[in-house]
N, C-alpha and C. Protein backbone atom coordinates (compact mmCIF):
# COMPACT_ATOMS: atom_id res chain seq x y z
N MET A 1 0.79 -1.20 0.06
CA MET A 1 -0.05 0.00 0.01
C MET A 1 0.91 1.31 -0.02
N ILE A 2 1.93 1.25 0.81
CA ILE A 2 2.79 2.37 0.90
C ILE A 2 3.49 2.64 -0.43
N LYS A 3 3.98 1.50 -1.09
CA LYS A 3 4.58 1.61 -2.42
C LYS A 3 3.67 2.31 -3.37
N TYR A 4 2.38 1.92 -3.38
CA TYR A 4 1.40 2.49 -4.31
C TYR A 4 1.29 3.99 -4.12
N VAL A 5 1.22 4.42 -2.80
CA VAL A 5 1.08 5.91 -2.53
C VAL A 5 2.31 6.58 -2.95
N VAL A 6 3.52 6.07 -2.66
CA VAL A 6 4.79 6.70 -3.03
C VAL A 6 4.87 6.82 -4.54
N VAL A 7 4.54 5.74 -5.26
CA VAL A 7 4.67 5.72 -6.80
C VAL A 7 3.65 6.75 -7.33
N SER A 8 2.42 6.75 -6.73
CA SER A 8 1.43 7.72 -7.19
C SER A 8 1.88 9.22 -7.00
N LEU A 9 2.50 9.49 -5.89
CA LEU A 9 2.99 10.82 -5.57
C LEU A 9 4.08 11.23 -6.57
N ILE A 10 4.96 10.27 -6.84
CA ILE A 10 6.10 10.55 -7.77
C ILE A 10 5.50 10.84 -9.20
N VAL A 11 4.63 9.89 -9.61
CA VAL A 11 4.01 10.09 -10.96
C VAL A 11 3.35 11.45 -11.08
N PHE A 12 2.55 11.81 -10.11
CA PHE A 12 1.80 13.09 -10.19
C PHE A 12 2.71 14.31 -10.06
N SER A 13 3.78 14.18 -9.22
CA SER A 13 4.70 15.24 -9.06
C SER A 13 5.47 15.49 -10.36
N LEU A 14 5.71 14.48 -11.19
CA LEU A 14 6.47 14.66 -12.42
C LEU A 14 5.57 15.14 -13.50
N GLY A 15 4.27 15.23 -13.24
CA GLY A 15 3.35 15.72 -14.31
C GLY A 15 2.89 14.64 -15.27
N VAL A 16 3.20 13.41 -14.89
CA VAL A 16 2.74 12.29 -15.80
C VAL A 16 1.30 11.99 -15.50
N MET A 17 0.53 11.91 -16.52
CA MET A 17 -0.94 11.69 -16.32
C MET A 17 -1.23 10.21 -16.38
N ALA A 18 -2.23 9.87 -15.64
CA ALA A 18 -2.71 8.42 -15.73
C ALA A 18 -3.40 8.30 -17.07
N PRO A 19 -3.39 7.04 -17.58
CA PRO A 19 -4.05 6.78 -18.89
C PRO A 19 -5.52 7.14 -18.79
N SER A 20 -6.04 7.73 -19.90
CA SER A 20 -7.42 8.10 -19.96
C SER A 20 -8.29 6.91 -20.07
N ALA A 21 -9.56 7.08 -19.85
CA ALA A 21 -10.58 5.98 -20.04
C ALA A 21 -10.50 5.36 -21.37
N VAL A 22 -10.25 6.20 -22.40
CA VAL A 22 -10.21 5.75 -23.79
C VAL A 22 -9.14 4.64 -23.94
N PHE A 23 -8.02 4.90 -23.34
CA PHE A 23 -6.89 3.90 -23.47
C PHE A 23 -7.05 2.77 -22.53
N ALA A 24 -7.65 3.07 -21.34
CA ALA A 24 -7.75 2.03 -20.38
C ALA A 24 -8.94 1.07 -20.59
N ALA A 25 -9.99 1.53 -21.34
CA ALA A 25 -11.16 0.77 -21.54
C ALA A 25 -10.88 -0.65 -22.07
N PRO A 26 -10.03 -0.83 -23.13
CA PRO A 26 -9.85 -2.23 -23.56
C PRO A 26 -9.20 -3.07 -22.53
N PHE A 27 -8.39 -2.55 -21.65
CA PHE A 27 -7.68 -3.33 -20.67
C PHE A 27 -8.59 -3.54 -19.39
N LEU A 28 -9.55 -2.73 -19.23
CA LEU A 28 -10.43 -2.91 -18.05
C LEU A 28 -11.75 -3.53 -18.41
N GLY A 29 -11.94 -3.98 -19.60
CA GLY A 29 -13.21 -4.53 -20.03
C GLY A 29 -14.08 -3.49 -20.56
N GLY A 30 -13.80 -2.20 -20.36
CA GLY A 30 -14.52 -1.08 -20.98
C GLY A 30 -16.00 -1.30 -21.28
N PRO A 31 -16.68 -0.24 -21.66
CA PRO A 31 -18.12 -0.31 -21.93
C PRO A 31 -18.36 -1.24 -23.22
N ALA A 32 -19.47 -1.94 -23.13
CA ALA A 32 -19.85 -2.81 -24.28
C ALA A 32 -20.19 -1.90 -25.46
N VAL A 33 -19.82 -2.28 -26.68
CA VAL A 33 -20.18 -1.62 -27.89
C VAL A 33 -21.33 -2.32 -28.57
N TYR A 34 -22.37 -1.61 -28.87
CA TYR A 34 -23.60 -2.24 -29.53
C TYR A 34 -23.61 -1.72 -30.90
N GLN A 35 -23.67 -2.66 -31.86
CA GLN A 35 -23.87 -2.26 -33.32
C GLN A 35 -25.31 -1.73 -33.58
N THR A 36 -25.48 -0.77 -34.38
CA THR A 36 -26.77 -0.30 -34.74
C THR A 36 -27.41 -1.36 -35.68
N LEU A 37 -28.61 -1.83 -35.38
CA LEU A 37 -29.11 -2.82 -36.16
C LEU A 37 -29.94 -2.23 -37.39
N PRO A 38 -30.08 -2.98 -38.46
CA PRO A 38 -30.91 -2.51 -39.62
C PRO A 38 -32.40 -2.67 -39.17
N LYS A 39 -33.25 -2.33 -39.99
CA LYS A 39 -34.75 -2.43 -39.65
C LYS A 39 -35.14 -3.84 -39.40
N PRO A 40 -36.13 -4.05 -38.51
CA PRO A 40 -36.60 -5.38 -38.17
C PRO A 40 -36.93 -6.18 -39.40
N GLY A 41 -36.67 -7.50 -39.33
CA GLY A 41 -36.97 -8.40 -40.41
C GLY A 41 -35.78 -8.69 -41.31
N GLU A 42 -34.78 -7.85 -41.31
CA GLU A 42 -33.57 -8.09 -42.10
C GLU A 42 -32.64 -9.06 -41.45
N LYS A 43 -31.87 -9.80 -42.29
CA LYS A 43 -30.90 -10.75 -41.77
C LYS A 43 -29.68 -9.94 -41.25
N VAL A 44 -29.21 -10.30 -40.06
CA VAL A 44 -28.08 -9.70 -39.43
C VAL A 44 -27.03 -10.74 -39.07
N SER A 45 -25.83 -10.67 -39.52
CA SER A 45 -24.81 -11.62 -39.27
C SER A 45 -24.35 -11.56 -37.79
N ILE A 46 -24.26 -12.69 -37.16
CA ILE A 46 -23.65 -12.80 -35.80
C ILE A 46 -22.18 -13.09 -35.96
N ASP A 47 -21.91 -14.05 -36.82
CA ASP A 47 -20.55 -14.47 -37.14
C ASP A 47 -20.60 -15.07 -38.50
N ILE A 48 -19.50 -15.73 -38.94
CA ILE A 48 -19.55 -16.32 -40.31
C ILE A 48 -20.46 -17.44 -40.49
N ASP A 49 -20.93 -18.05 -39.38
CA ASP A 49 -21.75 -19.29 -39.49
C ASP A 49 -23.24 -19.01 -39.09
N HIS A 50 -23.54 -17.85 -38.52
CA HIS A 50 -24.87 -17.62 -38.04
C HIS A 50 -25.41 -16.22 -38.35
N TYR A 51 -26.74 -16.12 -38.54
CA TYR A 51 -27.42 -14.84 -38.64
C TYR A 51 -28.69 -14.91 -37.90
N PHE A 52 -29.30 -13.69 -37.62
CA PHE A 52 -30.54 -13.59 -36.92
C PHE A 52 -31.43 -12.63 -37.57
N THR A 53 -32.73 -12.73 -37.27
CA THR A 53 -33.77 -11.72 -37.59
C THR A 53 -34.42 -11.42 -36.30
N TYR A 54 -35.01 -10.20 -36.26
CA TYR A 54 -35.67 -9.80 -35.02
C TYR A 54 -36.86 -8.89 -35.39
N GLY A 55 -37.73 -8.64 -34.43
CA GLY A 55 -38.92 -7.72 -34.62
C GLY A 55 -39.92 -8.01 -33.52
N PHE A 56 -40.80 -7.04 -33.38
CA PHE A 56 -41.92 -7.24 -32.47
C PHE A 56 -42.93 -8.19 -33.08
N ALA A 57 -43.61 -9.01 -32.19
CA ALA A 57 -44.62 -9.94 -32.63
C ALA A 57 -45.77 -9.10 -33.23
N LYS A 58 -46.13 -7.95 -32.71
CA LYS A 58 -47.14 -7.05 -33.16
C LYS A 58 -46.59 -5.64 -33.07
N GLN A 59 -47.18 -4.70 -33.84
CA GLN A 59 -46.75 -3.31 -33.74
C GLN A 59 -46.70 -2.85 -32.26
N PRO A 60 -45.62 -2.35 -31.76
CA PRO A 60 -45.49 -1.98 -30.33
C PRO A 60 -46.41 -0.81 -30.01
N LYS A 61 -47.03 -0.87 -28.84
CA LYS A 61 -47.84 0.25 -28.24
C LYS A 61 -47.54 0.24 -26.77
N LEU A 62 -48.14 1.22 -26.09
CA LEU A 62 -47.96 1.26 -24.63
C LEU A 62 -48.37 -0.06 -24.01
N GLY A 63 -47.63 -0.51 -23.02
CA GLY A 63 -47.92 -1.72 -22.37
C GLY A 63 -46.83 -2.81 -22.69
N THR A 64 -47.19 -4.06 -22.76
CA THR A 64 -46.25 -5.09 -23.02
C THR A 64 -46.18 -5.43 -24.47
N ALA A 65 -44.99 -5.42 -24.99
CA ALA A 65 -44.72 -5.79 -26.40
C ALA A 65 -43.76 -6.99 -26.36
N ILE A 66 -43.94 -7.91 -27.28
CA ILE A 66 -43.09 -9.07 -27.34
C ILE A 66 -42.09 -8.96 -28.42
N MET A 67 -40.78 -8.94 -28.05
CA MET A 67 -39.67 -8.93 -29.05
C MET A 67 -39.34 -10.33 -29.39
N ARG A 68 -39.24 -10.63 -30.72
CA ARG A 68 -38.84 -11.94 -31.21
C ARG A 68 -37.49 -11.93 -31.87
N VAL A 69 -36.69 -13.00 -31.59
CA VAL A 69 -35.41 -13.14 -32.30
C VAL A 69 -35.39 -14.58 -32.76
N GLU A 70 -34.92 -14.76 -34.02
CA GLU A 70 -34.77 -16.13 -34.60
C GLU A 70 -33.37 -16.18 -35.12
N ILE A 71 -32.64 -17.24 -34.75
CA ILE A 71 -31.29 -17.44 -35.16
C ILE A 71 -31.18 -18.64 -36.08
N PHE A 72 -30.35 -18.47 -37.12
CA PHE A 72 -30.21 -19.50 -38.15
C PHE A 72 -28.79 -19.75 -38.48
N ASN A 73 -28.49 -21.02 -38.92
CA ASN A 73 -27.18 -21.24 -39.52
C ASN A 73 -27.18 -20.69 -40.91
N ARG A 74 -26.01 -20.59 -41.52
CA ARG A 74 -25.91 -20.07 -42.93
C ARG A 74 -26.78 -20.83 -43.88
N ASP A 75 -27.04 -22.09 -43.64
CA ASP A 75 -27.84 -22.94 -44.54
C ASP A 75 -29.34 -22.74 -44.35
N GLY A 76 -29.70 -21.80 -43.40
CA GLY A 76 -31.12 -21.50 -43.16
C GLY A 76 -31.77 -22.34 -42.11
N LYS A 77 -31.06 -23.23 -41.47
CA LYS A 77 -31.62 -24.10 -40.52
C LYS A 77 -31.62 -23.28 -39.15
N ARG A 78 -32.68 -23.47 -38.37
CA ARG A 78 -32.84 -22.78 -37.07
C ARG A 78 -31.79 -23.23 -36.10
N ASN A 79 -31.21 -22.31 -35.37
CA ASN A 79 -30.16 -22.62 -34.37
C ASN A 79 -30.65 -22.11 -33.02
N THR A 80 -30.56 -22.98 -32.05
CA THR A 80 -30.98 -22.56 -30.68
C THR A 80 -29.88 -22.71 -29.65
N SER A 81 -28.65 -22.68 -30.09
CA SER A 81 -27.46 -22.98 -29.19
C SER A 81 -27.02 -21.65 -28.51
N PHE A 82 -27.66 -20.56 -28.81
CA PHE A 82 -27.25 -19.27 -28.15
C PHE A 82 -28.05 -18.99 -27.01
N THR A 83 -27.58 -18.20 -26.07
CA THR A 83 -28.41 -17.48 -25.08
C THR A 83 -28.53 -16.08 -25.55
N VAL A 84 -29.72 -15.56 -25.59
CA VAL A 84 -29.92 -14.18 -25.97
C VAL A 84 -30.36 -13.36 -24.86
N LYS A 85 -29.75 -12.27 -24.55
CA LYS A 85 -30.08 -11.30 -23.47
C LYS A 85 -30.55 -10.03 -24.08
N GLY A 86 -31.50 -9.37 -23.40
CA GLY A 86 -32.02 -8.10 -23.87
C GLY A 86 -32.25 -7.15 -22.76
N SER A 87 -32.25 -5.88 -23.07
CA SER A 87 -32.62 -4.85 -22.17
C SER A 87 -33.37 -3.68 -22.94
N ALA A 88 -34.29 -3.07 -22.32
CA ALA A 88 -35.00 -1.98 -22.94
C ALA A 88 -34.85 -0.76 -22.07
N ASP A 89 -34.72 0.39 -22.72
CA ASP A 89 -34.59 1.66 -22.00
C ASP A 89 -34.93 2.82 -22.91
N MET A 90 -35.12 4.01 -22.36
CA MET A 90 -35.31 5.16 -23.10
C MET A 90 -34.01 5.95 -23.11
N PRO A 91 -33.36 6.10 -24.33
CA PRO A 91 -32.06 6.77 -24.35
C PRO A 91 -32.10 8.20 -23.84
N SER A 92 -33.23 8.93 -24.06
CA SER A 92 -33.30 10.31 -23.60
C SER A 92 -33.46 10.43 -22.12
N MET A 93 -33.77 9.32 -21.42
CA MET A 93 -33.88 9.31 -19.95
C MET A 93 -33.23 8.06 -19.39
N ARG A 94 -32.01 7.81 -19.88
CA ARG A 94 -31.22 6.60 -19.62
C ARG A 94 -31.35 6.23 -18.16
N GLY A 95 -31.82 4.99 -17.91
CA GLY A 95 -31.88 4.44 -16.55
C GLY A 95 -33.22 4.59 -15.86
N THR A 96 -34.01 5.52 -16.30
CA THR A 96 -35.22 5.82 -15.65
C THR A 96 -36.25 4.72 -15.84
N HIS A 97 -36.36 4.11 -17.07
CA HIS A 97 -37.28 3.04 -17.34
C HIS A 97 -36.53 1.77 -17.81
N SER A 98 -35.31 1.62 -17.42
CA SER A 98 -34.54 0.50 -17.80
C SER A 98 -35.08 -0.85 -17.24
N SER A 99 -35.14 -1.81 -18.12
CA SER A 99 -35.60 -3.11 -17.72
C SER A 99 -34.47 -3.99 -17.10
N GLY A 100 -33.27 -3.61 -17.36
CA GLY A 100 -32.13 -4.39 -16.93
C GLY A 100 -31.98 -5.55 -17.91
N ASP A 101 -30.84 -6.23 -17.86
CA ASP A 101 -30.55 -7.33 -18.82
C ASP A 101 -31.36 -8.53 -18.36
N LYS A 102 -32.11 -9.10 -19.30
CA LYS A 102 -32.93 -10.25 -19.06
C LYS A 102 -32.72 -11.30 -20.13
N ASN A 103 -32.78 -12.54 -19.84
CA ASN A 103 -32.70 -13.56 -20.85
C ASN A 103 -33.99 -13.72 -21.66
N PHE A 104 -33.87 -13.84 -22.95
CA PHE A 104 -34.97 -14.16 -23.80
C PHE A 104 -35.41 -15.60 -23.48
N ALA A 105 -36.68 -15.93 -23.50
CA ALA A 105 -37.16 -17.26 -23.28
C ALA A 105 -37.18 -17.94 -24.65
N LEU A 106 -36.87 -19.20 -24.66
CA LEU A 106 -36.85 -19.97 -25.95
C LEU A 106 -38.16 -20.74 -26.03
N SER A 107 -38.98 -20.46 -27.09
CA SER A 107 -40.19 -21.14 -27.27
C SER A 107 -40.03 -22.58 -27.81
N ALA A 108 -41.09 -23.36 -27.76
CA ALA A 108 -41.03 -24.76 -28.35
C ALA A 108 -40.72 -24.75 -29.80
N LYS A 109 -40.97 -23.64 -30.49
CA LYS A 109 -40.76 -23.55 -31.98
C LYS A 109 -39.34 -23.01 -32.24
N GLY A 110 -38.57 -22.74 -31.22
CA GLY A 110 -37.19 -22.27 -31.39
C GLY A 110 -37.06 -20.74 -31.61
N VAL A 111 -38.04 -20.03 -31.13
CA VAL A 111 -38.05 -18.59 -31.23
C VAL A 111 -37.69 -18.00 -29.87
N TYR A 112 -36.78 -17.05 -29.84
CA TYR A 112 -36.38 -16.41 -28.60
C TYR A 112 -37.37 -15.22 -28.41
N LEU A 113 -37.98 -15.08 -27.19
CA LEU A 113 -39.01 -14.17 -26.89
C LEU A 113 -38.68 -13.38 -25.64
N LEU A 114 -38.95 -12.06 -25.72
CA LEU A 114 -38.71 -11.18 -24.55
C LEU A 114 -39.84 -10.20 -24.40
N PRO A 115 -40.59 -10.24 -23.30
CA PRO A 115 -41.62 -9.25 -23.04
C PRO A 115 -40.94 -7.89 -22.67
N VAL A 116 -41.38 -6.79 -23.31
CA VAL A 116 -40.77 -5.57 -23.12
C VAL A 116 -41.88 -4.58 -22.62
N GLU A 117 -41.67 -3.93 -21.47
CA GLU A 117 -42.65 -3.03 -20.92
C GLU A 117 -42.42 -1.57 -21.44
N LEU A 118 -43.30 -1.11 -22.31
CA LEU A 118 -43.20 0.25 -22.86
C LEU A 118 -44.15 1.09 -22.11
N VAL A 119 -43.59 1.92 -21.17
CA VAL A 119 -44.42 2.55 -20.16
C VAL A 119 -44.76 4.00 -20.56
N MET A 120 -44.17 4.55 -21.64
CA MET A 120 -44.58 5.92 -22.03
C MET A 120 -44.10 6.14 -23.48
N PRO A 121 -44.78 7.14 -24.20
CA PRO A 121 -44.40 7.37 -25.52
C PRO A 121 -43.00 8.02 -25.53
N GLY A 122 -42.32 7.88 -26.63
CA GLY A 122 -40.94 8.55 -26.76
C GLY A 122 -39.96 7.61 -27.41
N ASP A 123 -38.72 7.96 -27.30
CA ASP A 123 -37.67 7.14 -27.92
C ASP A 123 -37.31 5.91 -27.07
N TRP A 124 -37.18 4.80 -27.67
CA TRP A 124 -36.82 3.58 -26.94
C TRP A 124 -35.70 2.85 -27.65
N GLU A 125 -34.94 2.11 -26.86
CA GLU A 125 -33.81 1.27 -27.43
C GLU A 125 -33.84 -0.08 -26.76
N ILE A 126 -33.77 -1.07 -27.63
CA ILE A 126 -33.56 -2.43 -27.13
C ILE A 126 -32.21 -2.87 -27.50
N ARG A 127 -31.43 -3.39 -26.52
CA ARG A 127 -30.13 -3.92 -26.73
C ARG A 127 -30.10 -5.40 -26.67
N PHE A 128 -29.47 -6.03 -27.58
CA PHE A 128 -29.36 -7.51 -27.65
C PHE A 128 -27.94 -7.92 -27.46
N THR A 129 -27.73 -9.00 -26.66
CA THR A 129 -26.48 -9.59 -26.53
C THR A 129 -26.62 -11.09 -26.78
N PHE A 130 -25.86 -11.58 -27.73
CA PHE A 130 -25.88 -12.95 -28.08
C PHE A 130 -24.63 -13.63 -27.42
N VAL A 131 -24.91 -14.69 -26.69
CA VAL A 131 -23.88 -15.39 -25.89
C VAL A 131 -23.76 -16.79 -26.36
N GLN A 132 -22.54 -17.29 -26.68
CA GLN A 132 -22.37 -18.72 -26.98
C GLN A 132 -21.15 -19.20 -26.23
N ALA A 133 -21.32 -20.35 -25.60
CA ALA A 133 -20.29 -21.02 -24.74
C ALA A 133 -19.87 -20.01 -23.63
N GLY A 134 -20.82 -19.28 -23.08
CA GLY A 134 -20.54 -18.38 -21.93
C GLY A 134 -19.95 -17.05 -22.29
N LYS A 135 -19.70 -16.73 -23.58
CA LYS A 135 -18.99 -15.54 -24.04
C LYS A 135 -19.88 -14.68 -24.95
N PRO A 136 -19.99 -13.40 -24.72
CA PRO A 136 -20.74 -12.62 -25.69
C PRO A 136 -20.06 -12.61 -27.07
N VAL A 137 -20.81 -12.87 -28.11
CA VAL A 137 -20.27 -12.97 -29.41
C VAL A 137 -20.81 -11.91 -30.36
N TYR A 138 -21.84 -11.26 -29.96
CA TYR A 138 -22.45 -10.16 -30.79
C TYR A 138 -23.31 -9.24 -29.90
N ARG A 139 -23.28 -7.93 -30.08
CA ARG A 139 -24.17 -7.01 -29.37
C ARG A 139 -24.72 -6.07 -30.46
N GLY A 140 -26.08 -5.89 -30.35
CA GLY A 140 -26.78 -5.06 -31.31
C GLY A 140 -27.78 -4.12 -30.59
N SER A 141 -28.17 -3.04 -31.19
CA SER A 141 -29.06 -2.11 -30.64
C SER A 141 -30.09 -1.65 -31.65
N TYR A 142 -31.37 -1.66 -31.26
CA TYR A 142 -32.45 -1.22 -32.10
C TYR A 142 -33.17 -0.06 -31.38
N ARG A 143 -33.20 1.09 -32.07
CA ARG A 143 -33.90 2.26 -31.57
C ARG A 143 -35.18 2.53 -32.42
N PHE A 144 -36.22 2.91 -31.68
CA PHE A 144 -37.52 3.21 -32.29
C PHE A 144 -38.26 4.22 -31.44
N ASP A 145 -39.27 4.90 -32.07
CA ASP A 145 -40.17 5.81 -31.38
C ASP A 145 -41.47 5.17 -31.22
N LEU A 146 -42.08 5.42 -29.97
CA LEU A 146 -43.37 4.91 -29.68
C LEU A 146 -44.36 6.06 -29.63
């Protein structure tokens, strides 16, 4: 502990600055980066072997809306080997109406489903995280107005 304090004092007295968050982020796990997704219904590549489509089961309105995700192998065969996590929030009031990260439920037909509570009109964002073998392999973000 004393070594840390002494080193810190020397570093700051010499005018050497600590690395900024931009440089430290990759080493500290930094904030997750979410790719902006194309419009619902389009194929989105997860990796070279898989793609997904997404969209609401019905046009979203105030209340509960169901987000659907379907994952396929490149040959078009459905794939259910992923865990899909999602969160909903209003970007203009970040954190106020956040659902937090929740796992999509996998239906008997192999469709990933997530109920999303849309509590007020305005801008909304749903973030998707695709996990395989315990590691995030893709992150995407869909923004829409209600």
